[in-house]
Amino acid sequence: MSLIEVEDLRKTFRVAVRQQGRLGALKTLLAREYRDVCAVDGVSFTLDAGEMVGYIGPNGAGKSTTIKMLTGILVPSSGRILVDRRVPHQQRVEHVRRIGVVFGQRTQLWWDLPTIESFELLRHIYRIPEPRWRANLREFTELLDLAPFLDTPVRQLSLGQRMRADLAAALLHEPAILFLDEPTIGLDVVAKERIRQFLTDINRARGVTVILTTHDLEDITRLCRRVVLIDHGRVIYDGSLEALRQRFGHQRTLVVDLDQDVDGLQVPGAELVRREGPRAWLRFDREATTAAALIAAVAARYRVRDLTVEEPAIEAIVRGIYETGSAG
C-alpha cells in the first residue's frame, strides 16, 4: 500500500464577481453574484515511503491548493486522499503528528522568542520525550549549523538562518512525511546548497518522504528522481526526470574545442548556435542522429582538442511543456 494515495482530487472555490463602475458596485453590494473557480481538477497520484518527489507548475496551477488538502488545511470538494492511511481533514490531530510542513514565505517559529525556546515549545506541543527531542536537536544543530543563533530571537534571523531553523522545527517530532513549499526561495547559493544537502541526508538516513514544490528547478534536479507536473489543476506529467528528458528533451548540444579557430564551421546533422574563438556549440536532434555519429563527423573534418555533450536543461524542457499546454 502506498504511503500517499490521491484519486480524482478536486477543489472548487466560490468567488465573488466584482462589477465595474458605481452602478456595478451598488449591484454587487445589494445582490452579489458568484462564480466557481476550479483550482484542482481531477488530480491522481500515489507516493511510496521514502520517495522525494517534485510537485511543480506555474503560478495558479493548483500546487499550493493540493498541498493544503494533503496537509489537512483545506477540505476537498470531491475525490479521495489517504496519507499514511488517514484522511487528513477528518483525522487532523493524528495526521499532524505524522507530517512536517515548511512554507518558505511563512515561519512556524515564534517571532519574538529565541530559536531554542521555539523548539522547546514544539517539544511540548508534540509531546516529544525529552531524550528523543535532545537527540534530534543535537543532530539537526550539527547538520544545519544552528548553534550560532539558537539564542537569537527569530525576528533577528537572516532568511537563510530562519529557513534552517524552520526545517529543524518541522522534523523535531520525527514525521514520516515532509511537505516543502519553496524552501530555498530568496536564499543565496551557499544557503541553498546546505539545505539541499540536509534534505538528502535526512531522506537517506531516516527514510523521510519528501514532497517539494518550488519554482527553482535546480532544487528538483538536485533532490528528486521523480517529478509531477501540474497545469490548470491537472497532472500533465508524472514520471522520472530522466524519462522527461528522453521524452521531451530532443535537442542536445555538442560543445567542441578545436585546435584553432575555423571559419565557416559546418557539420552535417547539426546546427551551429554559438561560437567563441575555437570553441563551438553544435545543436542536434537525438532522434535524427547520435552523439557518437556527430563526434565522428567533427573529428573527421577538424582537429579537436576536447568534446562535451550537454543535455537539455530541465528548465527549458518544462517551459516548453507549459508553453504547449500539454505533455501528451
C-alpha atoms as a PDB file:
ATOM      1  CA  MET A   1       0.000   0.000   0.000  1.00  0.00           C
ATOM      2  CA  SER A   2       1.316   3.451  -0.942  1.00  0.00           C
ATOM      3  CA  LEU A   3       2.072   5.991   1.776  1.00  0.00           C
ATOM      4  CA  ILE A   4       0.070   8.690  -0.051  1.00  0.00           C
ATOM      5  CA  GLU A   5      -2.906   7.971  -2.321  1.00  0.00           C
ATOM      6  CA  VAL A   6      -4.680  10.729  -4.222  1.00  0.00           C
ATOM      7  CA  GLU A   7      -7.577   9.829  -6.523  1.00  0.00           C
ATOM      8  CA  ASP A   8      -9.610  12.222  -8.703  1.00  0.00           C
ATOM      9  CA  LEU A   9      -8.978  15.094  -6.285  1.00  0.00           C
ATOM     10  CA  ARG A  10     -10.927  18.302  -6.938  1.00  0.00           C
ATOM     11  CA  LYS A  11     -11.207  21.655  -5.217  1.00  0.00           C
ATOM     12  CA  THR A  12     -13.570  24.413  -6.318  1.00  0.00           C
ATOM     13  CA  PHE A  13     -13.736  27.866  -4.751  1.00  0.00           C
ATOM     14  CA  ARG A  14     -16.778  30.146  -4.889  1.00  0.00           C
ATOM     15  CA  VAL A  15     -15.529  33.615  -5.811  1.00  0.00           C
ATOM     16  CA  ALA A  16     -17.487  36.875  -5.760  1.00  0.00           C
ATOM     17  CA  VAL A  17     -17.836  38.607  -9.138  1.00  0.00           C
ATOM     18  CA  ARG A  18     -16.836  42.275  -8.961  1.00  0.00           C
ATOM     19  CA  GLN A  19     -18.697  44.547 -11.374  1.00  0.00           C
ATOM     20  CA  GLN A  20     -17.167  47.744 -12.759  1.00  0.00           C
ATOM     21  CA  GLY A  21     -18.357  51.293 -12.109  1.00  0.00           C
ATOM     22  CA  ARG A  22     -20.558  52.850  -9.444  1.00  0.00           C
ATOM     23  CA  LEU A  23     -23.707  51.085 -10.618  1.00  0.00           C
ATOM     24  CA  GLY A  24     -21.846  47.788 -10.684  1.00  0.00           C
ATOM     25  CA  ALA A  25     -20.542  48.374  -7.161  1.00  0.00           C
ATOM     26  CA  LEU A  26     -24.089  49.087  -5.970  1.00  0.00           C
ATOM     27  CA  LYS A  27     -25.383  45.905  -7.613  1.00  0.00           C
ATOM     28  CA  THR A  28     -22.568  43.928  -6.006  1.00  0.00           C
ATOM     29  CA  LEU A  29     -23.486  45.364  -2.614  1.00  0.00           C
ATOM     30  CA  LEU A  30     -27.213  44.594  -2.951  1.00  0.00           C
ATOM     31  CA  ALA A  31     -27.133  41.304  -4.860  1.00  0.00           C
ATOM     32  CA  ARG A  32     -23.694  39.754  -5.007  1.00  0.00           C
ATOM     33  CA  GLU A  33     -23.007  37.288  -7.805  1.00  0.00           C
ATOM     34  CA  TYR A  34     -20.600  34.383  -7.573  1.00  0.00           C
ATOM     35  CA  ARG A  35     -18.717  32.110  -9.943  1.00  0.00           C
ATOM     36  CA  ASP A  36     -16.967  28.797  -9.346  1.00  0.00           C
ATOM     37  CA  VAL A  37     -13.212  28.572  -9.869  1.00  0.00           C
ATOM     38  CA  CYS A  38     -11.722  25.075 -10.172  1.00  0.00           C
ATOM     39  CA  ALA A  39      -8.238  25.124  -8.613  1.00  0.00           C
ATOM     40  CA  VAL A  40      -7.616  21.362  -8.681  1.00  0.00           C
ATOM     41  CA  ASP A  41      -9.327  19.320 -11.364  1.00  0.00           C
ATOM     42  CA  GLY A  42      -9.112  15.526 -11.085  1.00  0.00           C
ATOM     43  CA  VAL A  43      -5.570  15.077  -9.751  1.00  0.00           C
ATOM     44  CA  SER A  44      -4.464  11.478  -9.099  1.00  0.00           C
ATOM     45  CA  PHE A  45      -1.111  10.062  -7.992  1.00  0.00           C
ATOM     46  CA  THR A  46       0.494   7.795  -5.393  1.00  0.00           C
ATOM     47  CA  LEU A  47       3.728   8.099  -3.407  1.00  0.00           C
ATOM     48  CA  ASP A  48       5.688   5.329  -1.746  1.00  0.00           C
ATOM     49  CA  ALA A  49       7.543   5.677   1.541  1.00  0.00           C
ATOM     50  CA  GLY A  50      10.981   7.240   1.150  1.00  0.00           C
ATOM     51  CA  GLU A  51      10.352   8.978  -2.175  1.00  0.00           C
ATOM     52  CA  MET A  52      11.469  12.552  -2.881  1.00  0.00           C
ATOM     53  CA  VAL A  53       9.035  13.981  -5.423  1.00  0.00           C
ATOM     54  CA  GLY A  54       8.951  17.387  -7.076  1.00  0.00           C
ATOM     55  CA  TYR A  55       5.415  18.756  -7.458  1.00  0.00           C
ATOM     56  CA  ILE A  56       5.770  21.694  -9.825  1.00  0.00           C
ATOM     57  CA  GLY A  57       3.769  24.008 -12.026  1.00  0.00           C
ATOM     58  CA  PRO A  58       3.311  27.673 -12.956  1.00  0.00           C
ATOM     59  CA  ASN A  59       1.621  30.180 -10.657  1.00  0.00           C
ATOM     60  CA  GLY A  60      -2.056  29.344 -10.242  1.00  0.00           C
ATOM     61  CA  ALA A  61      -1.612  25.739 -11.411  1.00  0.00           C
ATOM     62  CA  GLY A  62      -3.026  24.248  -8.188  1.00  0.00           C
ATOM     63  CA  LYS A  63       0.189  23.227  -6.405  1.00  0.00           C
ATOM     64  CA  SER A  64      -0.392  25.002  -3.097  1.00  0.00           C
ATOM     65  CA  THR A  65      -4.071  24.033  -3.050  1.00  0.00           C
ATOM     66  CA  THR A  66      -3.097  20.372  -3.431  1.00  0.00           C
ATOM     67  CA  ILE A  67      -0.530  20.630  -0.620  1.00  0.00           C
ATOM     68  CA  LYS A  68      -3.096  22.292   1.662  1.00  0.00           C
ATOM     69  CA  MET A  69      -5.521  19.411   1.066  1.00  0.00           C
ATOM     70  CA  LEU A  70      -2.771  16.842   1.685  1.00  0.00           C
ATOM     71  CA  THR A  71      -1.869  18.530   4.968  1.00  0.00           C
ATOM     72  CA  GLY A  72      -5.500  18.836   6.090  1.00  0.00           C
ATOM     73  CA  ILE A  73      -5.742  22.645   5.881  1.00  0.00           C
ATOM     74  CA  LEU A  74      -8.362  22.522   3.110  1.00  0.00           C
ATOM     75  CA  VAL A  75     -11.248  20.106   2.611  1.00  0.00           C
ATOM     76  CA  PRO A  76     -11.519  18.651  -0.931  1.00  0.00           C
ATOM     77  CA  SER A  77     -14.658  19.340  -2.958  1.00  0.00           C
ATOM     78  CA  SER A  78     -14.531  15.712  -4.116  1.00  0.00           C
ATOM     79  CA  GLY A  79     -12.112  12.866  -4.604  1.00  0.00           C
ATOM     80  CA  ARG A  80     -10.157  10.710  -2.192  1.00  0.00           C
ATOM     81  CA  ILE A  81      -6.995  11.357  -0.139  1.00  0.00           C
ATOM     82  CA  LEU A  82      -5.210   8.907   2.129  1.00  0.00           C
ATOM     83  CA  VAL A  83      -1.977   9.994   3.810  1.00  0.00           C
ATOM     84  CA  ASP A  84      -0.406   7.235   5.888  1.00  0.00           C
ATOM     85  CA  ARG A  85      -3.857   5.519   5.891  1.00  0.00           C
ATOM     86  CA  ARG A  86      -5.571   8.652   7.260  1.00  0.00           C
ATOM     87  CA  VAL A  87      -7.948  11.181   5.724  1.00  0.00           C
ATOM     88  CA  PRO A  88      -6.138  14.462   6.504  1.00  0.00           C
ATOM     89  CA  HIS A  89      -9.098  16.765   7.154  1.00  0.00           C
ATOM     90  CA  GLN A  90     -11.026  14.145   9.138  1.00  0.00           C
ATOM     91  CA  GLN A  91      -8.188  12.936  11.379  1.00  0.00           C
ATOM     92  CA  ARG A  92      -6.216  16.141  11.777  1.00  0.00           C
ATOM     93  CA  VAL A  93      -4.744  15.549  15.239  1.00  0.00           C
ATOM     94  CA  GLU A  94      -3.320  12.151  14.338  1.00  0.00           C
ATOM     95  CA  HIS A  95      -2.356  13.416  10.887  1.00  0.00           C
ATOM     96  CA  VAL A  96      -0.275  16.419  12.001  1.00  0.00           C
ATOM     97  CA  ARG A  97       1.798  14.207  14.292  1.00  0.00           C
ATOM     98  CA  ARG A  98       2.983  12.272  11.232  1.00  0.00           C
ATOM     99  CA  ILE A  99       3.804  15.180   8.938  1.00  0.00           C
ATOM    100  CA  GLY A 100       6.148  18.161   8.860  1.00  0.00           C
ATOM    101  CA  VAL A 101       5.431  21.304   6.850  1.00  0.00           C
ATOM    102  CA  VAL A 102       7.716  24.151   5.773  1.00  0.00           C
ATOM    103  CA  PHE A 103       6.386  27.149   3.859  1.00  0.00           C
ATOM    104  CA  GLY A 104       9.211  29.328   2.551  1.00  0.00           C
ATOM    105  CA  GLN A 105       7.177  32.524   2.884  1.00  0.00           C
ATOM    106  CA  ARG A 106       5.975  31.855   6.456  1.00  0.00           C
ATOM    107  CA  THR A 107       7.525  30.575   9.659  1.00  0.00           C
ATOM    108  CA  GLN A 108       6.157  28.221  12.298  1.00  0.00           C
ATOM    109  CA  LEU A 109       8.527  29.689  14.891  1.00  0.00           C
ATOM    110  CA  TRP A 110       7.549  32.310  17.488  1.00  0.00           C
ATOM    111  CA  TRP A 111       8.705  35.668  16.157  1.00  0.00           C
ATOM    112  CA  ASP A 112       9.846  37.281  19.418  1.00  0.00           C
ATOM    113  CA  LEU A 113      11.284  34.198  21.119  1.00  0.00           C
ATOM    114  CA  PRO A 114      14.832  32.861  20.839  1.00  0.00           C
ATOM    115  CA  THR A 115      15.045  29.958  18.392  1.00  0.00           C
ATOM    116  CA  ILE A 116      15.742  27.399  21.122  1.00  0.00           C
ATOM    117  CA  GLU A 117      12.593  28.427  23.021  1.00  0.00           C
ATOM    118  CA  SER A 118      10.507  27.856  19.883  1.00  0.00           C
ATOM    119  CA  PHE A 119      11.996  24.367  19.703  1.00  0.00           C
ATOM    120  CA  GLU A 120      11.131  23.783  23.378  1.00  0.00           C
ATOM    121  CA  LEU A 121       7.528  24.882  22.806  1.00  0.00           C
ATOM    122  CA  LEU A 122       7.269  22.443  19.908  1.00  0.00           C
ATOM    123  CA  ARG A 123       8.509  19.680  22.201  1.00  0.00           C
ATOM    124  CA  HIS A 124       5.532  20.305  24.482  1.00  0.00           C
ATOM    125  CA  ILE A 125       3.037  20.718  21.625  1.00  0.00           C
ATOM    126  CA  TYR A 126       4.025  17.401  20.013  1.00  0.00           C
ATOM    127  CA  ARG A 127       4.717  15.735  23.390  1.00  0.00           C
ATOM    128  CA  ILE A 128       8.153  14.614  22.289  1.00  0.00           C
ATOM    129  CA  PRO A 129      10.032  12.688  25.003  1.00  0.00           C
ATOM    130  CA  GLU A 130      12.887  14.893  26.175  1.00  0.00           C
ATOM    131  CA  PRO A 131      15.724  12.407  25.427  1.00  0.00           C
ATOM    132  CA  ARG A 132      14.465  11.975  21.854  1.00  0.00           C
ATOM    133  CA  TRP A 133      13.998  15.727  21.453  1.00  0.00           C
ATOM    134  CA  ARG A 134      17.532  16.436  22.663  1.00  0.00           C
ATOM    135  CA  ALA A 135      18.995  13.782  20.367  1.00  0.00           C
ATOM    136  CA  ASN A 136      17.174  15.226  17.350  1.00  0.00           C
ATOM    137  CA  LEU A 137      18.103  18.788  18.295  1.00  0.00           C
ATOM    138  CA  ARG A 138      21.755  17.789  18.627  1.00  0.00           C
ATOM    139  CA  GLU A 139      21.743  16.133  15.203  1.00  0.00           C
ATOM    140  CA  PHE A 140      19.956  18.999  13.434  1.00  0.00           C
ATOM    141  CA  THR A 141      22.131  21.606  15.149  1.00  0.00           C
ATOM    142  CA  GLU A 142      25.196  19.904  13.703  1.00  0.00           C
ATOM    143  CA  LEU A 143      23.789  19.251  10.222  1.00  0.00           C
ATOM    144  CA  LEU A 144      22.260  22.725   9.821  1.00  0.00           C
ATOM    145  CA  ASP A 145      24.829  24.696  11.860  1.00  0.00           C
ATOM    146  CA  LEU A 146      22.167  26.127  14.204  1.00  0.00           C
ATOM    147  CA  ALA A 147      24.431  26.724  17.222  1.00  0.00           C
ATOM    148  CA  PRO A 148      25.406  30.350  16.370  1.00  0.00           C
ATOM    149  CA  PHE A 149      21.785  31.558  16.506  1.00  0.00           C
ATOM    150  CA  LEU A 150      19.923  29.233  18.890  1.00  0.00           C
ATOM    151  CA  ASP A 151      19.687  32.056  21.448  1.00  0.00           C
ATOM    152  CA  THR A 152      18.779  34.705  18.861  1.00  0.00           C
ATOM    153  CA  PRO A 153      15.142  35.887  18.559  1.00  0.00           C
ATOM    154  CA  VAL A 154      13.563  34.607  15.355  1.00  0.00           C
ATOM    155  CA  ARG A 155      12.809  38.137  14.131  1.00  0.00           C
ATOM    156  CA  GLN A 156      16.569  38.858  14.062  1.00  0.00           C
ATOM    157  CA  LEU A 157      17.483  35.829  11.944  1.00  0.00           C
ATOM    158  CA  SER A 158      18.512  36.138   8.321  1.00  0.00           C
ATOM    159  CA  LEU A 159      16.303  34.407   5.763  1.00  0.00           C
ATOM    160  CA  GLY A 160      18.774  31.545   5.422  1.00  0.00           C
ATOM    161  CA  GLN A 161      19.040  31.085   9.205  1.00  0.00           C
ATOM    162  CA  ARG A 162      15.262  31.137   9.611  1.00  0.00           C
ATOM    163  CA  MET A 163      14.781  28.546   6.882  1.00  0.00           C
ATOM    164  CA  ARG A 164      17.304  26.221   8.525  1.00  0.00           C
ATOM    165  CA  ALA A 165      15.546  26.676  11.858  1.00  0.00           C
ATOM    166  CA  ASP A 166      12.160  26.007  10.242  1.00  0.00           C
ATOM    167  CA  LEU A 167      13.451  22.767   8.731  1.00  0.00           C
ATOM    168  CA  ALA A 168      14.686  21.614  12.128  1.00  0.00           C
ATOM    169  CA  ALA A 169      11.373  22.593  13.743  1.00  0.00           C
ATOM    170  CA  ALA A 170       9.419  20.593  11.144  1.00  0.00           C
ATOM    171  CA  LEU A 171      11.448  17.455  11.860  1.00  0.00           C
ATOM    172  CA  LEU A 172      11.872  17.503  15.653  1.00  0.00           C
ATOM    173  CA  HIS A 173       8.863  15.212  16.152  1.00  0.00           C
ATOM    174  CA  GLU A 174      10.191  12.725  13.552  1.00  0.00           C
ATOM    175  CA  PRO A 175       7.440  12.940  10.911  1.00  0.00           C
ATOM    176  CA  ALA A 176       7.153  10.297   8.192  1.00  0.00           C
ATOM    177  CA  ILE A 177       6.338  12.904   5.516  1.00  0.00           C
ATOM    178  CA  LEU A 178       7.796  16.365   4.917  1.00  0.00           C
ATOM    179  CA  PHE A 179       5.925  18.911   2.774  1.00  0.00           C
ATOM    180  CA  LEU A 180       8.132  21.720   1.459  1.00  0.00           C
ATOM    181  CA  ASP A 181       6.753  24.796  -0.286  1.00  0.00           C
ATOM    182  CA  GLU A 182       9.539  26.958  -1.800  1.00  0.00           C
ATOM    183  CA  PRO A 183      12.132  26.058   0.864  1.00  0.00           C
ATOM    184  CA  THR A 184      15.014  27.853  -0.887  1.00  0.00           C
ATOM    185  CA  ILE A 185      13.182  30.981  -2.078  1.00  0.00           C
ATOM    186  CA  GLY A 186      15.338  34.080  -1.738  1.00  0.00           C
ATOM    187  CA  LEU A 187      18.394  32.197  -0.449  1.00  0.00           C
ATOM    188  CA  ASP A 188      21.960  32.588  -1.682  1.00  0.00           C
ATOM    189  CA  VAL A 189      23.908  29.772  -3.330  1.00  0.00           C
ATOM    190  CA  VAL A 190      25.640  28.650  -0.127  1.00  0.00           C
ATOM    191  CA  ALA A 191      22.389  28.527   1.890  1.00  0.00           C
ATOM    192  CA  LYS A 192      20.600  26.614  -0.885  1.00  0.00           C
ATOM    193  CA  GLU A 193      23.378  24.035  -1.035  1.00  0.00           C
ATOM    194  CA  ARG A 194      23.312  23.493   2.743  1.00  0.00           C
ATOM    195  CA  ILE A 195      19.541  22.911   2.718  1.00  0.00           C
ATOM    196  CA  ARG A 196      19.706  20.569  -0.291  1.00  0.00           C
ATOM    197  CA  GLN A 197      22.413  18.505   1.379  1.00  0.00           C
ATOM    198  CA  PHE A 198      20.434  18.364   4.631  1.00  0.00           C
ATOM    199  CA  LEU A 199      17.309  17.124   2.848  1.00  0.00           C
ATOM    200  CA  THR A 200      19.316  14.473   1.019  1.00  0.00           C
ATOM    201  CA  ASP A 201      20.858  13.293   4.296  1.00  0.00           C
ATOM    202  CA  ILE A 202      17.518  13.173   6.129  1.00  0.00           C
ATOM    203  CA  ASN A 203      15.863  11.258   3.303  1.00  0.00           C
ATOM    204  CA  ARG A 204      18.644   8.663   3.194  1.00  0.00           C
ATOM    205  CA  ALA A 205      19.201   8.304   6.939  1.00  0.00           C
ATOM    206  CA  ARG A 206      15.599   8.434   8.150  1.00  0.00           C
ATOM    207  CA  GLY A 207      13.583   7.478   5.092  1.00  0.00           C
ATOM    208  CA  VAL A 208      11.505  10.654   5.307  1.00  0.00           C
ATOM    209  CA  THR A 209       9.159  11.014   2.325  1.00  0.00           C
ATOM    210  CA  VAL A 210       9.514  14.494   0.800  1.00  0.00           C
ATOM    211  CA  ILE A 211       7.073  16.405  -1.411  1.00  0.00           C
ATOM    212  CA  LEU A 212       8.718  19.526  -2.790  1.00  0.00           C
ATOM    213  CA  THR A 213       7.031  22.420  -4.570  1.00  0.00           C
ATOM    214  CA  THR A 214       9.353  25.055  -5.969  1.00  0.00           C
ATOM    215  CA  HIS A 215      10.000  27.393  -8.887  1.00  0.00           C
ATOM    216  CA  ASP A 216      13.742  26.754  -8.565  1.00  0.00           C
ATOM    217  CA  LEU A 217      14.124  23.728 -10.819  1.00  0.00           C
ATOM    218  CA  GLU A 218      17.707  23.268  -9.675  1.00  0.00           C
ATOM    219  CA  ASP A 219      16.152  22.058  -6.386  1.00  0.00           C
ATOM    220  CA  ILE A 220      14.217  19.452  -8.355  1.00  0.00           C
ATOM    221  CA  THR A 221      17.247  18.375 -10.388  1.00  0.00           C
ATOM    222  CA  ARG A 222      19.433  18.003  -7.291  1.00  0.00           C
ATOM    223  CA  LEU A 223      16.903  16.340  -4.983  1.00  0.00           C
ATOM    224  CA  CYS A 224      14.190  14.474  -6.891  1.00  0.00           C
ATOM    225  CA  ARG A 225      14.223  11.467  -9.178  1.00  0.00           C
ATOM    226  CA  ARG A 226      10.507  11.817  -9.868  1.00  0.00           C
ATOM    227  CA  VAL A 227       8.521  14.886 -10.855  1.00  0.00           C
ATOM    228  CA  VAL A 228       4.776  15.571 -11.097  1.00  0.00           C
ATOM    229  CA  LEU A 229       3.879  18.479 -13.391  1.00  0.00           C
ATOM    230  CA  ILE A 230       0.561  20.208 -12.862  1.00  0.00           C
ATOM    231  CA  ASP A 231      -1.065  22.894 -15.021  1.00  0.00           C
ATOM    232  CA  HIS A 232      -4.564  24.369 -14.816  1.00  0.00           C
ATOM    233  CA  GLY A 233      -5.343  21.997 -11.964  1.00  0.00           C
ATOM    234  CA  ARG A 234      -4.484  18.823 -13.906  1.00  0.00           C
ATOM    235  CA  VAL A 235      -1.483  16.490 -13.846  1.00  0.00           C
ATOM    236  CA  ILE A 236       0.191  16.682 -17.254  1.00  0.00           C
ATOM    237  CA  TYR A 237       3.251  14.550 -16.461  1.00  0.00           C
ATOM    238  CA  ASP A 238       4.181  12.063 -13.728  1.00  0.00           C
ATOM    239  CA  GLY A 239       7.466  10.209 -14.042  1.00  0.00           C
ATOM    240  CA  SER A 240      11.219  10.341 -13.664  1.00  0.00           C
ATOM    241  CA  LEU A 241      13.365  13.320 -14.593  1.00  0.00           C
ATOM    242  CA  GLU A 242      15.395  11.120 -16.906  1.00  0.00           C
ATOM    243  CA  ALA A 243      12.265   9.930 -18.740  1.00  0.00           C
ATOM    244  CA  LEU A 244      11.141  13.560 -19.012  1.00  0.00           C
ATOM    245  CA  ARG A 245      14.447  14.438 -20.703  1.00  0.00           C
ATOM    246  CA  GLN A 246      14.250  11.430 -23.002  1.00  0.00           C
ATOM    247  CA  ARG A 247      10.653  12.140 -23.992  1.00  0.00           C
ATOM    248  CA  PHE A 248      10.763  15.918 -24.439  1.00  0.00           C
ATOM    249  CA  GLY A 249      14.443  16.902 -24.500  1.00  0.00           C
ATOM    250  CA  HIS A 250      15.197  16.013 -28.110  1.00  0.00           C
ATOM    251  CA  GLN A 251      17.686  18.832 -28.593  1.00  0.00           C
ATOM    252  CA  ARG A 252      21.209  18.132 -27.279  1.00  0.00           C
ATOM    253  CA  THR A 253      24.345  20.226 -27.660  1.00  0.00           C
ATOM    254  CA  LEU A 254      27.861  19.139 -28.616  1.00  0.00           C
ATOM    255  CA  VAL A 255      30.493  21.570 -27.313  1.00  0.00           C
ATOM    256  CA  VAL A 256      33.663  21.323 -29.409  1.00  0.00           C
ATOM    257  CA  ASP A 257      37.072  22.791 -28.556  1.00  0.00           C
ATOM    258  CA  LEU A 258      39.071  22.938 -31.786  1.00  0.00           C
ATOM    259  CA  ASP A 259      42.825  23.154 -32.097  1.00  0.00           C
ATOM    260  CA  GLN A 260      42.375  26.571 -33.766  1.00  0.00           C
ATOM    261  CA  ASP A 261      39.647  28.967 -34.848  1.00  0.00           C
ATOM    262  CA  VAL A 262      37.945  27.800 -38.062  1.00  0.00           C
ATOM    263  CA  ASP A 263      35.871  29.964 -40.412  1.00  0.00           C
ATOM    264  CA  GLY A 264      32.674  28.510 -41.836  1.00  0.00           C
ATOM    265  CA  LEU A 265      32.407  25.609 -39.393  1.00  0.00           C
ATOM    266  CA  GLN A 266      29.833  23.162 -40.721  1.00  0.00           C
ATOM    267  CA  VAL A 267      28.899  19.649 -39.591  1.00  0.00           C
ATOM    268  CA  PRO A 268      26.098  17.641 -41.268  1.00  0.00           C
ATOM    269  CA  GLY A 269      23.226  16.885 -38.887  1.00  0.00           C
ATOM    270  CA  ALA A 270      23.991  19.778 -36.516  1.00  0.00           C
ATOM    271  CA  GLU A 271      23.271  23.487 -36.251  1.00  0.00           C
ATOM    272  CA  LEU A 272      25.970  25.928 -35.162  1.00  0.00           C
ATOM    273  CA  VAL A 273      24.311  28.002 -32.442  1.00  0.00           C
ATOM    274  CA  ARG A 274      27.286  29.727 -30.808  1.00  0.00           C
ATOM    275  CA  ARG A 275      30.984  30.487 -31.371  1.00  0.00           C
ATOM    276  CA  GLU A 276      33.673  31.764 -29.004  1.00  0.00           C
ATOM    277  CA  GLY A 277      37.038  31.588 -30.739  1.00  0.00           C
ATOM    278  CA  PRO A 278      37.976  27.936 -31.257  1.00  0.00           C
ATOM    279  CA  ARG A 279      35.010  26.742 -29.151  1.00  0.00           C
ATOM    280  CA  ALA A 280      31.730  25.931 -30.911  1.00  0.00           C
ATOM    281  CA  TRP A 281      28.290  24.816 -29.756  1.00  0.00           C
ATOM    282  CA  LEU A 282      26.511  22.453 -32.135  1.00  0.00           C
ATOM    283  CA  ARG A 283      22.840  21.636 -31.536  1.00  0.00           C
ATOM    284  CA  PHE A 284      21.432  18.340 -32.807  1.00  0.00           C
ATOM    285  CA  ASP A 285      18.257  16.278 -32.508  1.00  0.00           C
ATOM    286  CA  ARG A 286      18.761  12.988 -30.669  1.00  0.00           C
ATOM    287  CA  GLU A 287      16.074  11.389 -32.885  1.00  0.00           C
ATOM    288  CA  ALA A 288      17.876  12.364 -36.093  1.00  0.00           C
ATOM    289  CA  THR A 289      21.436  11.441 -35.146  1.00  0.00           C
ATOM    290  CA  THR A 290      23.529  10.194 -32.263  1.00  0.00           C
ATOM    291  CA  ALA A 291      26.238  11.958 -30.306  1.00  0.00           C
ATOM    292  CA  ALA A 292      28.727   9.290 -31.405  1.00  0.00           C
ATOM    293  CA  ALA A 293      27.968   9.860 -35.111  1.00  0.00           C
ATOM    294  CA  LEU A 294      28.266  13.633 -34.711  1.00  0.00           C
ATOM    295  CA  ILE A 295      31.560  13.339 -32.824  1.00  0.00           C
ATOM    296  CA  ALA A 296      32.943  11.116 -35.600  1.00  0.00           C
ATOM    297  CA  ALA A 297      31.863  13.666 -38.230  1.00  0.00           C
ATOM    298  CA  VAL A 298      33.546  16.530 -36.362  1.00  0.00           C
ATOM    299  CA  ALA A 299      36.756  14.556 -35.787  1.00  0.00           C
ATOM    300  CA  ALA A 300      36.915  13.644 -39.481  1.00  0.00           C
ATOM    301  CA  ARG A 301      36.824  17.311 -40.553  1.00  0.00           C
ATOM    302  CA  TYR A 302      38.687  19.230 -37.848  1.00  0.00           C
ATOM    303  CA  ARG A 303      41.484  18.876 -35.323  1.00  0.00           C
ATOM    304  CA  VAL A 304      39.719  18.533 -31.967  1.00  0.00           C
ATOM    305  CA  ARG A 305      41.149  19.210 -28.502  1.00  0.00           C
ATOM    306  CA  ASP A 306      38.077  18.382 -26.399  1.00  0.00           C
ATOM    307  CA  LEU A 307      34.387  17.406 -26.715  1.00  0.00           C
ATOM    308  CA  THR A 308      31.445  17.632 -24.316  1.00  0.00           C
ATOM    309  CA  VAL A 309      27.815  16.596 -24.794  1.00  0.00           C
ATOM    310  CA  GLU A 310      25.320  18.795 -22.920  1.00  0.00           C
ATOM    311  CA  GLU A 311      21.855  17.514 -22.060  1.00  0.00           C
ATOM    312  CA  PRO A 312      18.943  19.976 -22.343  1.00  0.00           C
ATOM    313  CA  ALA A 313      18.328  21.984 -19.181  1.00  0.00           C
ATOM    314  CA  ILE A 314      15.294  20.799 -17.239  1.00  0.00           C
ATOM    315  CA  GLU A 315      14.080  24.430 -17.090  1.00  0.00           C
ATOM    316  CA  ALA A 316      13.915  24.596 -20.891  1.00  0.00           C
ATOM    317  CA  ILE A 317      12.050  21.282 -21.126  1.00  0.00           C
ATOM    318  CA  VAL A 318       9.462  22.250 -18.503  1.00  0.00           C
ATOM    319  CA  ARG A 319       8.996  25.688 -20.050  1.00  0.00           C
ATOM    320  CA  GLY A 320       8.349  24.073 -23.428  1.00  0.00           C
ATOM    321  CA  ILE A 321       5.718  21.757 -21.933  1.00  0.00           C
ATOM    322  CA  TYR A 322       3.908  24.657 -20.276  1.00  0.00           C
ATOM    323  CA  GLU A 323       4.003  26.741 -23.454  1.00  0.00           C
ATOM    324  CA  THR A 324       2.368  23.953 -25.466  1.00  0.00           C
ATOM    325  CA  GLY A 325      -0.110  23.333 -22.633  1.00  0.00           C
ATOM    326  CA  SER A 326       0.290  19.554 -22.683  1.00  0.00           C
ATOM    327  CA  ALA A 327       2.730  16.741 -22.123  1.00  0.00           C
ATOM    328  CA  GLY A 328       0.696  14.333 -24.176  1.00  0.00           C
END
